[in-house]
Protein backbone atom coordinates (compact mmCIF):
# COMPACT_ATOMS: atom_id res chain seq x y z
CA MET A 1 244.96 30.94 120.34
CA ASN A 2 241.36 29.60 119.98
CA LEU A 3 238.34 31.79 119.61
CA GLU A 4 237.35 31.64 123.26
CA GLU A 5 240.88 32.93 124.21
CA ILE A 6 240.58 35.67 121.54
CA GLU A 7 237.17 36.62 122.91
CA GLU A 8 238.57 36.87 126.47
CA TYR A 9 241.45 39.00 125.17
CA LEU A 10 239.14 41.29 123.41
CA LYS A 11 236.75 41.46 126.32
CA ASN A 12 239.56 42.82 128.33
CA THR A 13 241.09 45.29 125.77
CA LEU A 14 238.12 46.69 123.91
CA SER A 15 235.36 49.06 125.11
CA GLU A 16 232.15 47.22 125.70
CA LYS A 17 230.38 48.63 122.67
CA ARG A 18 233.36 47.54 120.30
CA TYR A 19 233.53 43.98 122.05
CA MET A 20 229.76 43.52 121.50
CA HIS A 21 230.02 44.72 117.89
CA SER A 22 232.89 42.17 117.22
CA ILE A 23 230.96 39.24 118.78
CA GLY A 24 227.86 40.07 116.70
CA THR A 25 230.19 40.28 113.56
CA MET A 26 231.58 36.94 114.57
CA LYS A 27 228.16 35.29 114.81
CA LYS A 28 226.93 36.86 111.40
CA ALA A 29 230.11 35.78 109.70
CA ARG A 30 229.62 32.29 111.02
CA GLU A 31 225.97 32.23 109.93
CA LEU A 32 226.78 33.57 106.37
CA ALA A 33 229.52 30.92 106.00
CA ARG A 34 227.16 28.25 106.78
CA ILE A 35 224.74 29.62 104.16
CA TYR A 36 227.32 29.81 101.46
CA GLY A 37 229.27 26.65 102.36
CA GLU A 38 232.45 28.43 103.55
CA ASP A 39 234.65 27.51 106.53
CA GLU A 40 232.66 28.66 109.64
CA GLU A 41 235.70 28.93 111.91
CA LYS A 42 237.77 30.95 109.60
CA ALA A 43 234.67 33.34 109.01
CA ALA A 44 234.12 33.52 112.81
CA PHE A 45 237.73 34.37 113.42
CA ALA A 46 237.70 37.03 110.68
CA GLY A 47 234.55 38.56 112.27
CA LEU A 48 235.92 38.39 115.74
CA VAL A 49 239.17 40.12 115.06
CA HIS A 50 238.16 42.64 112.29
CA ASP A 51 238.08 45.54 114.73
CA MET A 52 240.67 44.51 117.19
CA ALA A 53 242.87 47.44 116.32
CA LYS A 54 240.10 50.00 116.11
CA GLU A 55 240.76 51.54 119.43
CA LEU A 56 244.46 51.81 119.34
CA THR A 57 245.82 55.25 120.53
CA LYS A 58 247.88 57.33 118.00
CA ASP A 59 251.19 56.29 119.76
CA GLN A 60 250.29 52.65 119.46
CA MET A 61 249.50 53.01 115.78
CA GLU A 62 252.81 54.69 115.30
CA GLU A 63 254.66 52.07 117.11
CA TYR A 64 253.14 49.33 114.85
CA ILE A 65 253.79 51.26 111.82
CA LYS A 66 257.46 51.58 112.68
CA LYS A 67 257.94 48.16 114.11
CA TYR A 68 256.25 46.38 111.06
CA ASN A 69 257.10 48.80 108.30
CA VAL A 70 253.59 49.43 107.50
CA VAL A 71 253.03 51.46 104.33
CA VAL A 72 250.68 54.34 104.90
CA ASP A 73 249.09 55.90 101.87
CA GLU A 74 247.89 59.47 101.38
CA VAL A 75 244.16 58.68 102.34
CA GLU A 76 245.22 56.87 105.56
CA LYS A 77 247.44 59.86 106.43
CA MET A 78 244.33 62.17 106.25
CA LYS A 79 242.21 59.56 107.97
CA PRO A 80 244.41 57.41 110.48
CA SER A 81 241.36 55.66 111.72
CA LEU A 82 241.45 53.58 108.48
CA LEU A 83 244.80 52.12 109.50
CA HIS A 84 242.97 49.64 111.87
CA ALA A 85 242.46 47.18 109.12
CA LYS A 86 246.17 46.91 108.46
CA LEU A 87 247.27 47.36 112.14
CA ARG A 88 244.94 44.54 113.21
CA ILE A 89 247.40 42.17 111.80
CA CYS A 90 250.35 43.70 113.50
CA HIS A 91 248.38 44.05 116.82
CA GLY A 92 247.59 40.44 116.62
CA LYS A 93 251.11 39.42 116.19
CA GLY A 94 252.15 41.30 119.30
CA GLU A 95 249.22 40.40 121.47
CA VAL A 96 247.20 37.49 120.57
């Protein structure tokens, strides 16, 4: 998928607030990549998808943990919202 397709997917799956945050992060990541001579497309992609799993339900998280054998540490057990960083990769495999 290209960035435009991912943007459309996120627009349809995230809350408006989370979607706008992701768009802003994508733009800032691209700007920083330009300043520091890094790959702008990779930075834009990372910024765009960084929170794509942030709004998963508990059931969805558990499904991805089981399906992809995600290791959950003690801190993540106490604060499951931290799992979105790991689960974004699993979510991307299944959806995007």
